[in-house]
Amino acid sequence: MNPQPPSANSVSRILLASLIGTTIEFFDFYIYATAAVLVFPKLFFHSSDPTSATLESLATFALAFFARPLGAALFGHFGDRKGRKATLVAALMTMGPSTVAIGLLPGYDSIGIFAPLLLALFRFGQGLGLGGEWGGAVLLATENAPANKKAWYGMFPQLGAPIGFLLSSATFFILGKVMSDADFISYGWRIPFIASAILILLGLYVRLKITETPEFTKVIDNNERSKVPFADVFTKHTKAITLGTLATITTFLLFYLMTVFTLSWGTSKLNFTKDTFLIMQMISMLAFGAGIPLSAVVADKFGRNRMLILASACIMVFGLTFAPFFSSHDVVVTTLFLSTGMFLMGLTYGPIGTALAEIFPASVRYTGASLAFTLAGILGASLTPYLATKLANTYGLQYVGYYLTAAATLTLLALVAARGIMAKQHL
C-alpha cells in the first residue's frame, strides 16, 4: 500500500470544517422535528382532530428521509467525481435555503392547501441537502486522519448531532420563555428557521477555506475515478451497501424514538409541559455527546465492528425496559430514561461514520457511505415517530420497546455478518 499523501489542511481546520457543517445541518433538521410536533399540526394542516393533524405533520417529517438517498446519489456522484470540498459546499447551500423558506411560509389559513404542499417541498430540500452533507463531512475527517485515529477523527462530524440538537432545543426553550404561546405559534417559531441563515454563512466560510482530501487527490492522480459511482456501489459493492445499511438502522430508529416520539408522548400522555420536557431532552443530549467520543476511543482500540455489536446488544436490552422506564410522571426518572437511551445512541453513532466510510474504496466512498446511511434513515427513522405513535396508541407503549429491540437484533445480525468485510478494511 502506498503511504497516504500529506494533507494541506491543519488538524483544527479539518475537524472544525467537518463539525460545523453537520452542526448547522442537524440544527436545521431538528428545528423542523421540534416544530413538527409543537407547531405545524396547528398551523399548516386543516383537521379538527389533533391526533390526525400530528400524524400528517409527522408524515412531512418522514419525507426528508426519502429525499436523503437522492441527495446521497446526487452529491455522492459529484463528491466521487469532482471532489469532497466543492460538493460539501453545494450540499450546505441546498439545505440552508430550504430551511429559511420554511420560516417564511404562510399558514393554512392564508394560502390553504398550498401551505402543506410547500412545506413538503421545502422539507424535501432539507433532506436532499443532508443526504449529501453527512457523507462528505465524515470523509473530510477520516480521509485526513492518521491510521490509528480514524474513528476519533470520524466522530467529530457525529458531534454535530448533539450540538445541533442542543442549539435547536435551547432556541425553542428560550423563545417559549420570552413570549406567550400565542405569539410563539404566530411568529416565534419562525425565528430559528430564518436565523439559520447566519449559521449557513459561517459554515460556507469555513468550508471554502479547506483543501481537497489527500485520498481523493490520490484517486485523481491514479486515474481511479468511477464513471458512475452509484452503479458501481450496487454492482461491485453489493454486500457492503446491504450490510452497511442494515447495520445503521438502529442508530436512526433509537434517535428518533428518543427525541420526536418521546417529546410527543411525554407532552400529550405523560402531561409534562413543553418546557420541562425540552429541558430533560437537553440534559439527555449531554449523555449523547459523552457517548460519542467514548465509543470512538474504544473503536480505535478494539475495532469498529466490536464496538457497534456491543452497543446494539445494549440497545436490545434497553428496548425491553422501554415501557416501564417511560411511564413515570417523575422528572428524575424520565430524565434518566432519556439520558440512558441517548448515551446508548452515542455508543452506536460515534463509530458508524468511520465504519461505513471504510468498507468502500475511495473511488466510490462518498456515494457508498452516504447511500448506506441515508437508506438506513428510510428504514430506521422516516416512519418511526408515526409507527411508534400508532403502536403506543393501539397496543401499548411496550410495543414501541419491542419495535426497538427487533431493530437492534437485525442490526446486530448484520454486524456479525459484516465482520469479514470490515476485517478487510482493518475494522
Protein backbone atom coordinates (compact mmCIF):
# COMPACT_ATOMS: atom_id res chain seq x y z
CA MET A 1 0.00 0.00 0.00
CA ASN A 2 1.30 3.45 -0.88
CA PRO A 3 1.63 5.88 2.01
CA GLN A 4 -1.18 8.40 2.33
CA PRO A 5 -0.05 11.75 0.94
CA PRO A 6 0.24 14.56 3.46
CA SER A 7 -2.73 16.84 3.94
CA ALA A 8 -2.51 20.58 3.33
CA ASN A 9 -5.25 21.08 5.92
CA SER A 10 -4.37 21.67 9.56
CA VAL A 11 -5.96 19.28 12.05
CA SER A 12 -8.01 22.07 13.63
CA ARG A 13 -9.30 23.25 10.24
CA ILE A 14 -10.26 19.71 9.21
CA LEU A 15 -12.14 18.97 12.41
CA LEU A 16 -13.82 22.38 12.57
CA ALA A 17 -15.00 22.16 8.96
CA SER A 18 -16.40 18.65 9.49
CA LEU A 19 -18.03 19.59 12.81
CA ILE A 20 -19.53 22.96 11.93
CA GLY A 21 -21.23 21.74 8.78
CA THR A 22 -23.02 18.86 10.45
CA THR A 23 -23.89 21.08 13.44
CA ILE A 24 -25.62 23.51 11.08
CA GLU A 25 -27.30 20.76 9.10
CA PHE A 26 -28.59 18.97 12.19
CA PHE A 27 -29.69 22.25 13.79
CA ASP A 28 -31.80 22.89 10.68
CA PHE A 29 -33.11 19.35 10.71
CA TYR A 30 -34.01 19.32 14.41
CA ILE A 31 -35.82 22.63 14.48
CA TYR A 32 -38.11 21.07 11.90
CA ALA A 33 -38.55 17.95 14.06
CA THR A 34 -39.45 20.06 17.10
CA ALA A 35 -41.80 22.32 15.15
CA ALA A 36 -43.42 19.28 13.51
CA VAL A 37 -44.63 18.23 16.96
CA LEU A 38 -45.30 21.57 18.63
CA VAL A 39 -46.39 23.96 15.84
CA PHE A 40 -47.03 22.54 12.38
CA PRO A 41 -50.11 20.43 13.24
CA LYS A 42 -51.89 23.64 14.29
CA LEU A 43 -50.53 25.92 11.58
CA PHE A 44 -50.21 24.02 8.30
CA PHE A 45 -52.83 21.26 8.50
CA HIS A 46 -56.59 21.61 8.40
CA SER A 47 -58.02 18.99 10.75
CA SER A 48 -60.43 19.07 13.67
CA ASP A 49 -58.69 16.04 15.17
CA PRO A 50 -55.37 16.96 16.86
CA THR A 51 -54.06 13.39 16.56
CA SER A 52 -54.70 13.33 12.80
CA ALA A 53 -53.01 16.70 12.35
CA THR A 54 -49.98 15.49 14.30
CA LEU A 55 -49.73 12.34 12.19
CA GLU A 56 -49.96 14.42 8.99
CA SER A 57 -47.22 16.69 10.27
CA LEU A 58 -45.04 13.71 11.14
CA ALA A 59 -45.60 12.39 7.60
CA THR A 60 -43.91 15.53 6.19
CA PHE A 61 -41.14 14.93 8.72
CA ALA A 62 -40.67 11.49 7.14
CA LEU A 63 -40.47 12.96 3.63
CA ALA A 64 -36.91 14.21 4.11
CA PHE A 65 -35.69 10.69 4.76
CA PHE A 66 -36.91 9.63 1.34
CA ALA A 67 -35.14 12.64 -0.19
CA ARG A 68 -31.86 11.83 1.51
CA PRO A 69 -30.90 8.83 -0.70
CA LEU A 70 -31.50 11.03 -3.75
CA GLY A 71 -29.20 13.61 -2.20
CA ALA A 72 -26.68 10.87 -1.42
CA ALA A 73 -26.71 9.67 -5.03
CA LEU A 74 -26.59 13.19 -6.49
CA PHE A 75 -23.97 14.72 -4.24
CA GLY A 76 -22.15 11.40 -3.92
CA HIS A 77 -21.69 11.34 -7.70
CA PHE A 78 -20.05 14.75 -7.71
CA GLY A 79 -18.17 14.03 -4.49
CA ASP A 80 -16.57 10.96 -6.07
CA ARG A 81 -16.10 12.62 -9.46
CA LYS A 82 -15.26 16.27 -8.71
CA GLY A 83 -14.12 16.26 -5.10
CA ARG A 84 -15.22 16.43 -1.47
CA LYS A 85 -14.78 20.17 -0.93
CA ALA A 86 -16.98 21.57 -3.71
CA THR A 87 -19.69 19.00 -3.03
CA LEU A 88 -19.80 19.82 0.66
CA VAL A 89 -20.35 23.48 -0.16
CA ALA A 90 -23.15 22.61 -2.61
CA ALA A 91 -24.88 20.35 -0.05
CA LEU A 92 -24.81 23.10 2.57
CA MET A 93 -26.30 25.58 0.11
CA THR A 94 -29.12 23.19 -0.75
CA MET A 95 -30.39 22.55 2.75
CA GLY A 96 -29.87 26.06 4.12
CA PRO A 97 -32.23 27.99 1.82
CA SER A 98 -34.89 25.30 2.24
CA THR A 99 -34.81 25.83 5.99
CA VAL A 100 -35.07 29.62 5.69
CA ALA A 101 -38.00 29.21 3.27
CA ILE A 102 -39.93 27.16 5.84
CA GLY A 103 -39.55 30.05 8.28
CA LEU A 104 -41.18 32.38 5.75
CA LEU A 105 -44.04 30.09 4.74
CA PRO A 106 -47.64 31.31 5.36
CA GLY A 107 -50.04 29.01 7.20
CA TYR A 108 -53.12 27.09 6.06
CA ASP A 109 -55.43 29.95 6.95
CA SER A 110 -53.59 32.21 4.48
CA ILE A 111 -52.86 30.01 1.45
CA GLY A 112 -54.91 26.88 2.07
CA ILE A 113 -53.69 23.58 0.64
CA PHE A 114 -50.53 25.24 -0.71
CA ALA A 115 -49.25 25.53 2.88
CA PRO A 116 -48.73 21.79 3.47
CA LEU A 117 -47.64 21.28 -0.16
CA LEU A 118 -44.92 23.93 0.05
CA LEU A 119 -43.93 22.69 3.49
CA ALA A 120 -43.43 19.23 1.98
CA LEU A 121 -41.38 20.72 -0.90
CA PHE A 122 -39.03 22.62 1.40
CA ARG A 123 -38.77 19.62 3.69
CA PHE A 124 -37.71 17.61 0.64
CA GLY A 125 -34.98 20.21 0.01
CA GLN A 126 -33.75 19.80 3.58
CA GLY A 127 -33.45 16.06 3.11
CA LEU A 128 -31.75 16.39 -0.27
CA GLY A 129 -29.05 18.61 1.21
CA LEU A 130 -28.49 16.49 4.30
CA GLY A 131 -28.19 13.41 2.09
CA GLY A 132 -25.05 14.91 0.59
CA GLU A 133 -23.74 16.68 3.68
CA TRP A 134 -23.15 13.88 6.14
CA GLY A 135 -21.03 11.61 3.95
CA GLY A 136 -18.79 14.43 2.80
CA ALA A 137 -18.21 15.66 6.36
CA VAL A 138 -17.25 12.15 7.51
CA LEU A 139 -14.85 11.73 4.57
CA LEU A 140 -13.30 15.12 5.18
CA ALA A 141 -12.40 13.92 8.67
CA THR A 142 -11.49 10.27 8.06
CA GLU A 143 -9.58 10.80 4.80
CA ASN A 144 -7.31 13.25 6.61
CA ALA A 145 -6.89 11.07 9.72
CA PRO A 146 -3.86 9.04 10.83
CA ALA A 147 -4.45 5.29 10.53
CA ASN A 148 -4.72 4.79 14.30
CA LYS A 149 -7.20 7.64 14.81
CA LYS A 150 -9.78 7.09 12.07
CA ALA A 151 -12.69 6.68 14.48
CA TRP A 152 -11.53 9.61 16.60
CA TYR A 153 -11.43 11.97 13.63
CA GLY A 154 -14.64 10.46 12.25
CA MET A 155 -16.57 11.18 15.44
CA PHE A 156 -16.19 14.96 15.06
CA PRO A 157 -18.90 15.31 12.40
CA GLN A 158 -21.02 13.00 14.58
CA LEU A 159 -20.76 15.50 17.42
CA GLY A 160 -22.73 17.88 15.21
CA ALA A 161 -25.84 15.86 16.10
CA PRO A 162 -25.97 16.55 19.87
CA ILE A 163 -24.64 20.08 19.42
CA GLY A 164 -27.22 20.87 16.75
CA PHE A 165 -29.97 19.38 18.88
CA LEU A 166 -28.90 21.35 21.95
CA LEU A 167 -28.87 24.58 19.93
CA SER A 168 -32.32 23.91 18.46
CA SER A 169 -33.89 22.85 21.78
CA ALA A 170 -32.32 25.76 23.63
CA THR A 171 -33.64 28.15 20.99
CA PHE A 172 -37.20 26.87 21.31
CA PHE A 173 -36.93 26.84 25.10
CA ILE A 174 -35.78 30.48 25.22
CA LEU A 175 -38.47 31.56 22.79
CA GLY A 176 -41.07 29.80 24.93
CA LYS A 177 -39.86 31.76 27.95
CA VAL A 178 -39.79 35.23 26.39
CA MET A 179 -43.12 35.11 24.55
CA SER A 180 -46.64 33.84 25.04
CA ASP A 181 -47.89 30.62 23.45
CA ALA A 182 -50.00 32.68 21.05
CA ASP A 183 -47.01 34.73 19.91
CA PHE A 184 -44.86 31.61 19.62
CA ILE A 185 -47.44 29.92 17.36
CA SER A 186 -47.99 33.15 15.41
CA TYR A 187 -44.38 34.07 14.61
CA GLY A 188 -41.90 32.99 17.30
CA TRP A 189 -41.28 29.53 15.86
CA ARG A 190 -40.10 31.16 12.61
CA ILE A 191 -37.10 32.85 14.25
CA PRO A 192 -34.72 29.83 14.36
CA PHE A 193 -35.56 28.89 10.77
CA ILE A 194 -34.77 32.36 9.45
CA ALA A 195 -31.81 32.93 11.78
CA SER A 196 -30.17 29.74 10.49
CA ALA A 197 -29.05 31.86 7.52
CA ILE A 198 -26.32 33.28 9.79
CA LEU A 199 -25.03 29.81 10.59
CA ILE A 200 -25.10 28.88 6.92
CA LEU A 201 -22.85 31.81 6.01
CA LEU A 202 -20.44 30.83 8.78
CA GLY A 203 -20.34 27.23 7.58
CA LEU A 204 -19.81 28.36 4.00
CA TYR A 205 -16.83 30.49 5.04
CA VAL A 206 -15.17 27.59 6.88
CA ARG A 207 -15.80 25.11 4.07
CA LEU A 208 -14.28 27.39 1.43
CA LYS A 209 -11.03 27.53 3.44
CA ILE A 210 -10.29 23.79 3.28
CA THR A 211 -8.38 21.93 0.57
CA GLU A 212 -9.17 18.59 -1.06
CA THR A 213 -8.55 15.41 0.96
CA PRO A 214 -5.31 13.52 0.21
CA GLU A 215 -7.13 10.24 -0.50
CA PHE A 216 -9.30 11.79 -3.21
CA THR A 217 -6.26 13.57 -4.65
CA LYS A 218 -4.63 10.15 -4.88
CA VAL A 219 -7.70 8.78 -6.72
CA ILE A 220 -7.35 11.57 -9.29
CA ASP A 221 -3.60 11.08 -9.68
CA ASN A 222 -4.06 7.33 -10.25
CA ASN A 223 -6.97 7.88 -12.67
CA GLU A 224 -9.24 5.70 -10.50
CA ARG A 225 -12.41 7.79 -10.53
CA SER A 226 -15.61 5.85 -11.17
CA LYS A 227 -17.64 6.96 -14.17
CA VAL A 228 -20.95 6.14 -12.45
CA PRO A 229 -20.35 5.72 -8.69
CA PHE A 230 -24.00 4.94 -7.96
CA ALA A 231 -23.99 1.96 -10.34
CA ASP A 232 -20.63 0.70 -9.07
CA VAL A 233 -21.83 0.74 -5.46
CA PHE A 234 -24.71 -1.61 -6.21
CA THR A 235 -22.98 -3.85 -8.76
CA LYS A 236 -19.46 -4.13 -7.33
CA HIS A 237 -20.06 -3.49 -3.62
CA THR A 238 -23.46 -5.11 -3.07
CA LYS A 239 -22.52 -6.78 0.22
CA ALA A 240 -21.07 -3.57 1.63
CA ILE A 241 -24.11 -1.41 0.80
CA THR A 242 -26.58 -4.04 2.06
CA LEU A 243 -24.90 -4.84 5.35
CA GLY A 244 -23.86 -1.22 5.90
CA THR A 245 -27.49 -0.14 5.59
CA LEU A 246 -28.82 -2.82 7.93
CA ALA A 247 -26.05 -2.12 10.45
CA THR A 248 -27.14 1.53 10.65
CA ILE A 249 -30.91 1.10 11.03
CA THR A 250 -30.96 1.07 14.83
CA THR A 251 -28.88 4.24 15.00
CA PHE A 252 -31.70 6.14 13.33
CA LEU A 253 -34.60 4.39 14.99
CA LEU A 254 -33.27 4.90 18.50
CA PHE A 255 -32.55 8.58 17.95
CA TYR A 256 -35.98 9.50 16.63
CA LEU A 257 -37.72 7.43 19.27
CA MET A 258 -35.79 9.26 21.97
CA THR A 259 -36.40 12.72 20.50
CA VAL A 260 -39.50 13.14 18.32
CA PHE A 261 -41.65 10.31 19.70
CA THR A 262 -40.82 10.91 23.37
CA LEU A 263 -41.47 14.64 23.00
CA SER A 264 -44.89 13.98 21.51
CA TRP A 265 -45.80 11.23 24.00
CA GLY A 266 -44.35 12.98 27.03
CA THR A 267 -46.22 16.23 26.42
CA SER A 268 -49.52 14.61 25.41
CA LYS A 269 -49.79 11.42 27.50
CA LEU A 270 -47.50 11.98 30.49
CA ASN A 271 -48.60 15.59 30.95
CA PHE A 272 -45.14 17.13 31.01
CA THR A 273 -45.06 20.73 29.86
CA LYS A 274 -43.21 21.53 26.65
CA ASP A 275 -40.53 23.49 28.52
CA THR A 276 -39.96 20.77 31.11
CA PHE A 277 -39.58 18.07 28.50
CA LEU A 278 -37.23 20.14 26.36
CA ILE A 279 -35.00 20.63 29.42
CA MET A 280 -34.97 16.88 30.03
CA GLN A 281 -34.08 16.27 26.41
CA MET A 282 -31.26 18.82 26.53
CA ILE A 283 -29.82 17.01 29.56
CA SER A 284 -30.02 13.73 27.66
CA MET A 285 -28.06 15.31 24.80
CA LEU A 286 -25.11 15.69 27.17
CA ALA A 287 -25.19 11.91 27.65
CA PHE A 288 -25.37 11.53 23.86
CA GLY A 289 -22.36 13.80 23.45
CA ALA A 290 -20.42 11.84 26.08
CA GLY A 291 -21.07 8.51 24.39
CA ILE A 292 -19.70 9.60 21.01
CA PRO A 293 -16.02 10.21 21.93
CA LEU A 294 -16.03 7.25 24.33
CA SER A 295 -17.16 4.91 21.56
CA ALA A 296 -14.56 6.37 19.18
CA VAL A 297 -11.74 5.64 21.62
CA VAL A 298 -12.94 2.06 22.11
CA ALA A 299 -13.46 1.61 18.35
CA ASP A 300 -9.92 2.72 17.52
CA LYS A 301 -8.50 0.34 20.14
CA PHE A 302 -10.69 -2.75 19.70
CA GLY A 303 -12.35 -2.29 16.30
CA ARG A 304 -15.42 -0.54 14.92
CA ASN A 305 -17.34 -3.78 14.49
CA ARG A 306 -16.89 -4.89 18.11
CA MET A 307 -17.93 -1.50 19.45
CA LEU A 308 -21.06 -1.45 17.30
CA ILE A 309 -22.00 -5.03 18.28
CA LEU A 310 -21.69 -4.13 21.96
CA ALA A 311 -23.83 -1.02 21.51
CA SER A 312 -26.51 -2.96 19.60
CA ALA A 313 -26.71 -5.63 22.31
CA CYS A 314 -27.21 -2.95 24.97
CA ILE A 315 -29.95 -1.31 22.88
CA MET A 316 -31.75 -4.67 22.58
CA VAL A 317 -31.95 -4.84 26.37
CA PHE A 318 -32.95 -1.18 26.65
CA GLY A 319 -35.90 -1.79 24.33
CA LEU A 320 -37.31 -4.37 26.74
CA THR A 321 -37.31 -1.77 29.53
CA PHE A 322 -38.86 0.97 27.37
CA ALA A 323 -42.44 0.90 28.66
CA PRO A 324 -41.82 0.65 32.44
CA PHE A 325 -38.97 3.16 32.17
CA PHE A 326 -41.05 5.70 30.22
CA SER A 327 -44.34 5.53 32.11
CA SER A 328 -43.47 7.76 35.03
CA HIS A 329 -44.60 11.33 35.60
CA ASP A 330 -41.45 11.85 37.65
CA VAL A 331 -38.92 14.27 36.13
CA VAL A 332 -35.86 12.48 37.53
CA VAL A 333 -36.94 9.03 36.30
CA THR A 334 -37.85 10.31 32.85
CA THR A 335 -34.60 12.27 32.55
CA LEU A 336 -32.69 9.10 33.47
CA PHE A 337 -34.64 7.19 30.82
CA LEU A 338 -33.87 9.77 28.14
CA SER A 339 -30.22 10.01 29.15
CA THR A 340 -29.75 6.23 29.11
CA GLY A 341 -31.24 5.95 25.64
CA MET A 342 -29.17 8.84 24.29
CA PHE A 343 -25.94 7.53 25.85
CA LEU A 344 -26.54 4.24 24.02
CA MET A 345 -27.22 6.33 20.93
CA GLY A 346 -23.78 7.91 21.32
CA LEU A 347 -22.15 4.48 21.54
CA THR A 348 -23.61 3.38 18.21
CA TYR A 349 -23.45 6.75 16.47
CA GLY A 350 -19.82 7.62 17.25
CA PRO A 351 -18.07 4.94 15.11
CA ILE A 352 -20.75 4.37 12.47
CA GLY A 353 -19.49 7.07 10.09
CA THR A 354 -15.96 5.72 10.09
CA ALA A 355 -17.21 2.15 9.73
CA LEU A 356 -19.35 2.99 6.71
CA ALA A 357 -16.63 5.06 5.05
CA GLU A 358 -14.01 2.34 5.34
CA ILE A 359 -16.00 -0.50 3.77
CA PHE A 360 -15.94 1.32 0.42
CA PRO A 361 -12.89 2.17 -1.73
CA ALA A 362 -12.08 5.86 -2.11
CA SER A 363 -13.34 5.94 -5.70
CA VAL A 364 -16.98 5.35 -4.60
CA ARG A 365 -16.71 6.14 -0.89
CA TYR A 366 -18.75 9.36 -0.90
CA THR A 367 -21.62 7.66 -2.71
CA GLY A 368 -21.42 4.34 -0.86
CA ALA A 369 -21.20 5.70 2.69
CA SER A 370 -23.88 8.33 2.02
CA LEU A 371 -26.29 5.84 0.47
CA ALA A 372 -25.88 3.28 3.27
CA PHE A 373 -26.50 6.00 5.85
CA THR A 374 -29.50 7.53 4.11
CA LEU A 375 -31.13 4.24 3.13
CA ALA A 376 -30.90 3.27 6.79
CA GLY A 377 -32.64 6.56 7.52
CA ILE A 378 -35.63 5.46 5.44
CA LEU A 379 -35.82 2.06 7.12
CA GLY A 380 -34.94 3.19 10.62
CA ALA A 381 -36.27 6.73 11.01
CA SER A 382 -38.60 8.02 8.32
CA LEU A 383 -41.75 6.44 9.74
CA THR A 384 -40.52 5.80 13.28
CA PRO A 385 -42.39 8.65 15.04
CA TYR A 386 -45.54 7.76 13.08
CA LEU A 387 -45.32 3.98 13.66
CA ALA A 388 -44.33 4.37 17.31
CA THR A 389 -47.32 6.64 17.91
CA LYS A 390 -49.66 4.13 16.24
CA LEU A 391 -48.17 1.20 18.18
CA ALA A 392 -48.38 3.00 21.51
CA ASN A 393 -51.95 4.17 20.97
CA THR A 394 -53.18 0.83 19.60
CA TYR A 395 -51.26 -1.85 21.52
CA GLY A 396 -49.48 -0.06 24.35
CA LEU A 397 -46.13 1.56 24.98
CA GLN A 398 -44.37 -1.79 25.46
CA TYR A 399 -44.72 -2.47 21.73
CA VAL A 400 -42.59 0.58 20.98
CA GLY A 401 -39.88 -1.12 23.02
CA TYR A 402 -40.36 -4.38 21.12
CA TYR A 403 -40.02 -2.39 17.89
CA LEU A 404 -36.65 -1.04 19.08
CA THR A 405 -35.42 -4.45 20.26
CA ALA A 406 -36.35 -6.06 16.93
CA ALA A 407 -34.43 -3.39 15.02
CA ALA A 408 -31.39 -3.78 17.28
CA THR A 409 -31.45 -7.54 16.73
CA LEU A 410 -31.45 -7.03 12.95
CA THR A 411 -28.55 -4.59 13.24
CA LEU A 412 -26.55 -6.96 15.43
CA LEU A 413 -27.02 -9.81 12.93
CA ALA A 414 -25.88 -7.53 10.09
CA LEU A 415 -22.77 -6.52 12.06
CA VAL A 416 -21.91 -10.16 12.71
CA ALA A 417 -22.34 -10.93 9.00
CA ALA A 418 -20.17 -7.93 8.12
CA ARG A 419 -17.19 -9.00 10.21
CA GLY A 420 -15.38 -10.34 7.15
CA ILE A 421 -15.70 -7.22 5.02
CA MET A 422 -14.89 -4.99 7.98
CA ALA A 423 -11.79 -7.02 8.81
CA LYS A 424 -10.51 -6.46 5.28
CA GLN A 425 -10.75 -2.74 5.91
CA HIS A 426 -8.99 -3.02 9.33
CA LEU A 427 -12.25 -2.53 11.21
